[in-house]
Protein backbone atom coordinates (compact mmCIF):
# COMPACT_ATOMS: atom_id res chain seq x y z
CA MET A 1 3.11 1.12 -83.73
CA ASP A 2 2.15 4.50 -82.26
CA PRO A 3 -1.13 4.19 -80.62
CA GLY A 4 -2.54 8.00 -81.19
CA PRO A 5 -2.61 10.40 -78.05
CA ARG A 6 -4.14 9.28 -74.98
CA ALA A 7 -6.97 10.56 -73.47
CA ALA A 8 -6.60 12.98 -70.56
CA PRO A 9 -8.17 11.30 -67.32
CA PRO A 10 -10.99 12.48 -65.54
CA ALA A 11 -11.57 15.71 -63.37
CA THR A 12 -12.11 13.65 -60.43
CA ALA A 13 -9.55 11.13 -61.09
CA ARG A 14 -7.08 13.64 -61.30
CA ARG A 15 -8.27 15.33 -57.98
CA ALA A 16 -7.92 11.77 -56.48
CA VAL A 17 -4.31 11.62 -56.88
CA ALA A 18 -3.43 14.88 -56.14
CA LEU A 19 -5.42 14.67 -52.99
CA ALA A 20 -3.00 11.21 -52.18
CA VAL A 21 0.28 12.98 -52.75
CA LEU A 22 -0.52 15.75 -50.53
CA ALA A 23 -1.68 13.38 -47.54
CA ALA A 24 2.00 11.25 -48.19
CA LEU A 25 3.55 14.88 -47.99
CA LEU A 26 1.97 15.53 -45.30
CA GLY A 27 2.43 12.07 -43.35
CA LEU A 28 5.87 12.67 -44.09
CA ALA A 29 5.98 16.01 -42.54
CA ALA A 30 4.22 14.99 -39.50
CA VAL A 31 6.63 12.23 -38.77
CA GLY A 32 9.69 14.52 -39.37
CA ALA A 33 8.29 16.75 -37.04
CA GLY A 34 7.49 14.33 -34.13
CA PHE A 35 11.06 12.94 -34.08
CA LEU A 36 12.19 16.87 -34.17
CA THR A 37 9.82 17.40 -31.14
CA ARG A 38 9.16 14.31 -29.52
CA SER A 39 11.02 13.60 -25.99
CA PRO A 40 13.35 10.33 -25.81
CA SER A 41 11.26 7.67 -25.05
CA PRO A 42 11.89 6.71 -21.32
CA PRO A 43 12.95 3.43 -20.06
CA THR A 44 11.15 0.51 -19.80
CA ALA A 45 8.84 1.18 -16.91
CA LEU A 46 10.10 -1.51 -14.19
CA PHE A 47 6.91 -0.88 -11.80
CA LEU A 48 3.76 -0.75 -14.17
CA THR A 49 1.19 1.17 -12.78
CA PRO A 50 -2.38 -0.33 -13.59
CA SER A 51 -5.38 1.30 -14.93
CA ALA A 52 -8.27 1.81 -12.22
CA PRO A 53 -9.58 -1.06 -10.79
CA PRO A 54 -12.53 -2.42 -12.81
CA PRO A 55 -15.61 -2.04 -11.72
CA SER A 56 -17.04 -4.95 -9.18
CA SER A 57 -20.46 -6.81 -9.04
CA ALA A 58 -20.45 -6.21 -5.51
CA ALA A 59 -21.79 -3.39 -3.86
CA PRO A 60 -19.20 -0.80 -2.06
CA PRO A 61 -19.62 -0.45 1.62
CA SER A 62 -21.64 2.70 2.97
CA LEU A 63 -18.66 4.27 5.07
CA HIS A 64 -20.09 5.38 8.24
CA PHE A 65 -17.47 8.57 8.84
CA ALA A 66 -19.54 10.75 11.88
CA GLU A 67 -19.93 7.04 13.67
CA ALA A 68 -16.51 6.46 13.62
CA SER A 69 -15.35 9.68 14.33
CA ALA A 70 -17.51 9.33 17.13
CA PHE A 71 -16.36 6.31 18.77
CA LEU A 72 -12.64 7.67 18.25
CA ALA A 73 -13.26 10.30 20.35
CA ARG A 74 -14.02 8.34 23.38
CA GLN A 75 -10.71 6.51 22.90
CA PRO A 76 -7.83 7.20 25.36
CA GLY A 77 -4.38 8.16 24.29
CA PHE A 78 -3.06 8.85 20.35
CA LEU A 79 -5.24 6.85 17.92
CA GLY A 80 -5.37 8.16 14.33
CA ILE A 81 -7.05 6.42 11.01
CA VAL A 82 -6.73 7.40 7.27
CA VAL A 83 -8.67 6.17 4.54
CA ARG A 84 -8.52 6.72 0.81
CA ASP A 85 -11.01 5.25 -1.69
CA ARG A 86 -9.17 3.98 -4.59
CA ARG A 87 -11.81 4.94 -6.80
CA THR A 88 -12.27 8.18 -6.43
CA GLY A 89 -9.59 9.68 -4.56
CA ALA A 90 -10.85 10.88 -2.17
CA VAL A 91 -9.12 10.72 1.72
CA TRP A 92 -10.59 10.67 5.04
CA ARG A 93 -8.61 11.03 8.39
CA ALA A 94 -9.37 11.58 11.78
CA GLY A 95 -7.74 11.37 15.00
CA ALA A 96 -4.21 11.57 15.79
CA THR A 97 -2.72 11.39 11.98
CA ASP A 98 -0.02 13.62 12.91
CA HIS A 99 1.18 11.73 15.67
CA LEU A 100 4.74 9.84 15.17
CA THR A 101 3.71 6.93 16.26
CA TRP A 102 5.99 3.75 16.55
CA ALA A 103 5.51 1.55 13.66
CA ALA A 104 6.59 -1.86 14.93
CA SER A 105 6.22 -4.44 12.69
CA THR A 106 4.13 -2.63 10.18
CA VAL A 107 7.56 -1.95 8.86
CA LYS A 108 8.28 -5.41 7.78
CA LEU A 109 5.71 -5.14 5.11
CA ALA A 110 7.89 -2.46 3.60
CA MET A 111 11.10 -4.75 3.92
CA VAL A 112 8.96 -7.29 2.39
CA LEU A 113 8.00 -5.17 -0.54
CA SER A 114 11.46 -4.06 -1.09
CA LEU A 115 13.05 -7.61 -1.31
CA LEU A 116 10.12 -8.85 -3.75
CA GLU A 117 11.19 -5.89 -5.77
CA GLN A 118 14.96 -6.31 -5.63
CA ALA A 119 14.90 -10.08 -6.68
CA ARG A 120 12.50 -9.18 -9.40
CA VAL A 121 15.74 -7.36 -11.40
CA GLY A 122 18.35 -9.22 -9.67
CA GLN A 123 19.75 -6.97 -7.04
CA VAL A 124 19.50 -9.64 -4.56
CA THR A 125 18.50 -13.65 -4.49
CA LEU A 126 15.77 -15.05 -2.49
CA ASP A 127 16.45 -18.54 -1.85
CA ALA A 128 13.96 -20.69 -0.01
CA LYS A 129 14.99 -19.93 3.14
CA ALA A 130 14.41 -16.22 2.39
CA ARG A 131 10.92 -16.88 0.95
CA GLN A 132 10.13 -19.28 3.91
CA GLN A 133 11.26 -16.14 5.95
CA ILE A 134 8.93 -13.68 4.11
CA ALA A 135 5.95 -16.05 4.37
CA ASP A 136 6.24 -16.13 8.02
CA ILE A 137 6.67 -12.20 8.17
CA LEU A 138 3.27 -11.87 6.39
CA ASP A 139 1.64 -14.92 7.98
CA TRP A 140 2.34 -14.66 12.08
CA SER A 141 4.72 -11.26 11.96
CA SER A 142 7.97 -13.63 12.90
CA ASP A 143 10.32 -11.35 14.56
CA ALA A 144 13.10 -13.82 13.93
CA ALA A 145 12.59 -13.74 10.24
CA ALA A 146 12.71 -9.76 10.20
CA ASP A 147 15.34 -9.89 11.70
CA ALA A 148 17.20 -12.48 9.66
CA LEU A 149 16.14 -10.86 6.60
CA TRP A 150 17.48 -7.49 8.08
CA ASN A 151 21.16 -8.70 8.92
CA ARG A 152 21.14 -10.98 5.40
CA TYR A 153 20.28 -7.96 3.01
CA ASP A 154 21.66 -4.53 5.03
CA GLY A 155 18.59 -3.64 5.95
CA GLU A 156 19.25 -0.15 6.84
CA GLN A 157 20.07 0.60 3.16
CA MET A 158 16.65 -0.25 2.32
CA VAL A 159 15.10 2.79 4.43
CA PRO A 160 15.77 5.58 2.03
CA ARG A 161 13.48 3.47 -0.68
CA PHE A 162 10.72 3.33 2.14
CA THR A 163 11.05 6.89 2.54
CA GLY A 164 11.14 7.97 -1.12
CA LYS A 165 9.61 5.24 -3.47
CA TYR A 166 7.03 4.23 -1.31
CA GLY A 167 6.03 7.72 -0.18
CA MET A 168 6.61 6.97 3.69
CA ALA A 169 8.11 10.26 4.15
CA LYS A 170 8.00 10.86 8.03
CA LEU A 171 9.28 7.10 8.62
CA ALA A 172 12.28 7.83 10.56
CA PHE A 173 14.74 5.48 13.17
CA GLN A 174 14.28 6.99 16.96
CA ALA A 175 17.89 8.50 18.35
CA GLY A 176 19.37 6.32 20.94
CA PHE A 177 18.02 3.22 19.59
CA PRO A 178 20.13 1.05 17.14
CA ARG A 179 19.17 1.27 13.41
CA ARG A 180 16.90 -1.51 13.00
CA TRP A 181 13.18 -2.16 11.89
CA GLY A 182 11.87 -2.16 15.08
CA HIS A 183 13.08 1.05 16.18
CA MET A 184 11.30 3.64 13.59
CA LYS A 185 7.93 5.67 14.30
CA CYS A 186 5.70 7.25 11.30
CA THR A 187 2.48 8.28 10.64
CA PRO A 188 -0.87 6.86 9.43
CA ASP A 189 -0.26 8.84 6.10
CA ASP A 190 2.93 6.96 5.53
CA LEU A 191 1.34 3.67 5.83
CA LEU A 192 -1.37 4.55 3.68
CA ALA A 193 1.22 5.42 0.97
CA LEU A 194 3.23 1.98 1.31
CA MET A 195 -0.33 0.53 1.06
CA GLY A 196 -1.11 2.25 -2.02
CA TYR A 197 2.47 1.87 -3.93
CA ILE A 198 1.70 -2.27 -3.31
CA LEU A 199 -2.13 -1.85 -4.77
CA ASP A 200 -1.26 0.81 -7.31
CA ARG A 201 2.61 0.53 -8.49
CA MET A 202 3.61 -2.79 -7.89
CA LEU A 203 4.14 -5.80 -10.70
CA PRO A 204 1.27 -7.65 -10.80
CA GLU A 205 2.66 -10.98 -9.92
CA ASP A 206 4.14 -9.87 -6.47
CA ARG A 207 1.19 -7.42 -6.04
CA THR A 208 -1.22 -10.96 -6.29
CA PHE A 209 1.56 -12.77 -3.56
CA LEU A 210 1.13 -10.03 -1.33
CA VAL A 211 -3.09 -9.15 -1.62
CA ASP A 212 -3.20 -12.91 -1.23
CA SER A 213 -0.98 -13.68 2.06
CA MET A 214 -2.90 -10.12 3.83
CA ARG A 215 -5.94 -11.87 2.93
CA SER A 216 -4.65 -15.04 4.97
CA VAL A 217 -2.85 -14.27 7.72
CA GLY A 218 -2.62 -16.45 10.64
CA PRO A 219 -4.98 -15.94 13.97
CA VAL A 220 -2.34 -13.74 15.51
CA GLN A 221 -3.47 -10.88 12.90
CA ARG A 222 -6.74 -11.10 12.40
CA TRP A 223 -7.34 -7.89 14.19
CA GLY A 224 -7.02 -4.12 12.88
CA VAL A 225 -8.17 -3.67 9.58
CA TRP A 226 -9.38 -7.25 9.97
CA GLY A 227 -12.99 -5.55 11.82
CA ALA A 228 -14.08 -4.68 8.46
CA GLY A 229 -15.75 -7.99 8.35
CA PRO A 230 -15.75 -10.98 5.63
CA GLY A 231 -17.72 -9.61 3.37
CA GLN A 232 -14.92 -6.68 2.45
CA ARG A 233 -12.32 -9.37 1.79
CA PRO A 234 -9.91 -7.18 4.20
CA GLY A 235 -6.26 -7.94 4.39
CA ASN A 236 -3.59 -6.46 6.68
CA LYS A 237 -0.25 -6.08 8.08
CA ASP A 238 -0.47 -5.50 11.84
CA GLY A 239 2.30 -4.46 14.50
CA TRP A 240 2.12 -4.30 18.43
CA SER A 241 4.72 -3.95 20.77
CA ILE A 242 5.95 -2.19 24.08
CA GLU A 243 7.87 1.46 23.50
CA PRO A 244 9.27 3.48 25.76
CA ASP A 245 8.12 7.77 25.44
CA GLY A 246 8.52 9.99 27.87
CA GLY A 247 10.21 7.99 30.65
CA SER A 248 7.38 5.60 30.68
CA ARG A 249 6.55 2.27 28.62
CA HIS A 250 3.42 1.88 26.78
CA TRP A 251 1.85 -0.44 24.13
CA VAL A 252 1.45 0.78 20.25
CA ALA A 253 -1.48 -1.20 18.03
CA ASP A 254 -0.91 -0.75 14.27
CA SER A 255 -2.77 -2.14 11.25
CA VAL A 256 -2.43 -1.14 7.64
CA GLY A 257 -4.43 -2.94 4.64
CA PHE A 258 -7.47 -2.65 2.22
CA ALA A 259 -11.25 -3.74 2.33
CA GLY A 260 -14.10 -3.60 0.20
CA PRO A 261 -14.76 -4.77 -3.58
CA ASP A 262 -11.24 -4.65 -5.71
CA GLU A 263 -9.18 -3.50 -2.58
CA ARG A 264 -11.28 -0.05 -2.99
CA TYR A 265 -10.41 1.08 0.44
CA LEU A 266 -6.90 1.78 2.09
CA VAL A 267 -6.87 1.86 5.63
CA ALA A 268 -4.23 2.69 8.19
CA VAL A 269 -4.52 3.07 11.87
CA MET A 270 -1.98 3.83 14.60
CA TYR A 271 -2.62 3.63 18.27
CA HIS A 272 -0.20 4.69 20.68
CA LEU A 273 -2.12 3.69 24.16
CA PRO A 274 -2.20 5.74 27.41
CA THR A 275 0.84 4.43 29.73
CA SER A 276 -2.44 3.58 32.00
CA ALA A 277 -3.25 0.41 29.93
CA GLY A 278 -0.35 -0.89 31.17
CA VAL A 279 2.53 -2.92 29.86
CA ALA A 280 0.75 -6.79 30.37
CA ALA A 281 -1.36 -8.40 27.85
CA ALA A 282 -4.58 -6.81 28.69
CA GLY A 283 -3.16 -3.43 27.16
CA ILE A 284 -2.68 -5.21 23.91
CA HIS A 285 -6.00 -6.63 24.12
CA ALA A 286 -7.55 -3.30 24.78
CA GLY A 287 -5.32 -1.47 22.11
CA ALA A 288 -6.11 -4.36 19.37
CA HIS A 289 -10.09 -4.35 19.95
CA ALA A 290 -10.09 -0.28 19.92
CA VAL A 291 -8.79 -0.71 16.36
CA SER A 292 -10.77 -3.30 15.28
CA ASP A 293 -13.88 -1.84 16.59
CA LEU A 294 -12.73 1.64 14.72
CA VAL A 295 -12.66 0.12 11.53
CA ALA A 296 -15.86 -2.26 12.14
CA THR A 297 -17.77 1.24 12.90
CA LEU A 298 -16.36 2.48 9.86
CA PHE A 299 -17.64 -0.47 7.46
CA GLY A 300 -21.04 -0.80 9.60
CA ALA A 301 -19.72 -4.21 10.92
CA PRO A 302 -20.74 -5.58 14.33
CA VAL A 303 -19.09 -4.18 17.18
CA PRO A 304 -17.53 -5.61 19.39
CA ALA A 305 -15.57 -6.66 15.86
CA ALA A 306 -15.27 -10.52 15.66
CA VAL A 307 -11.36 -10.63 15.58
CA SER A 308 -9.02 -12.48 17.52
CA VAL A 309 -5.73 -10.67 19.06
CA PRO A 310 -2.48 -11.47 20.19
CA ASP A 311 -1.93 -12.06 23.82
CA HIS A 312 1.88 -11.55 23.89
CA ASP A 313 4.11 -9.06 22.76
């Protein structure tokens, strides 16, 4: 049975249908254009860059730049400091920041970082012994552990990773010495770049491990950035050694780490002490206290800083 002619749909209904069809066509065109112009998707990132640190309930410290500069100017030798505010990106540097200084044990931090990253992607295997050696490096800066890991995992082949990926551009082996971890020089900017990589680019699990380890170092490393004071929850990796330069020997005292709410401030300090400080234990006492007091002055902590310093090389 023929129902007869249908009534034409209202004008508003016709417009709605037309708009829906147009939208669908535009959507398809947009998808097509996207596939034509979009670059290939990058491979899955291995090392994630976290978003900006969340606001902390703790108030950031007031940094005392003028006082720290005045303190630094009174110290003999080559003492340099670089600080970066991770929240604002501002950088402050003072002293001998361009002076190539023996990196000493601070290089061990780069080695630990490299091993953790390589282990994550199956390039190396870290057994219980290797992980204990890493713990000993971070806790009390064991030279024996560093030597063992360097030998086992071909430490020299890691160095291009330090200078490239980690940003330690001026780190270099020194002519006339074996190409090993303890025979390199760098600047405070190189150490700051290393610390920045750890805090801003490491996978969260490994980052947390390093941050916690650096916050709980043994007494022999509770100086340097530690001088910011317990209220700033600092963490650090220190380096100290007697090194040759210009036909004489002298101490170096280096420290790299973080302080402030949410690890807000990165701090790197390197000190090439004058030969007049001597090579006895008193020399490293003077150097470690100077580095610690410089950081304490910057963060408004009491000076002399409440730190312990190594009593041997």
